[in-house]
């Protein structure tokens, strides 16, 4: 594999209620998401100004997307300190499953939470 290519380039988070899920992620991360429909699916895109080798993704509601706490885990960028976004999770309708936890001095911190759809996701920050 070319070392200049990201192994991961896109992610999709399955949702059963697009409006509810979009409101949750916009509130927690203080972002605006753009909705669209593609191939019979509703999508809400996470913001990405200039992709240029960066990873982005979307919330997706469709027949092939079922929310789950099992499977792959997505870690959102919580820099500079994930405590800020994590503090908004429960008020937005999610649940903190593992509070901000130190991984190591050179790695930073992590936390797990569930969103309004029942997906288990995570955050990472250097502080």
Foldseek 3Di string as FASTA:
>chain_A
DPPLADPAAEDEAEAADVVLQQQLVCQLVVAAWDWDDDPAKIWTWDDDDDCNRNHTYIYIYDDVGAAEQDDDEAAAECPPDVVRSVVRNVVSPKAWPAPWDAPDLQFFTKTWIAHNRGYIYMYGHND
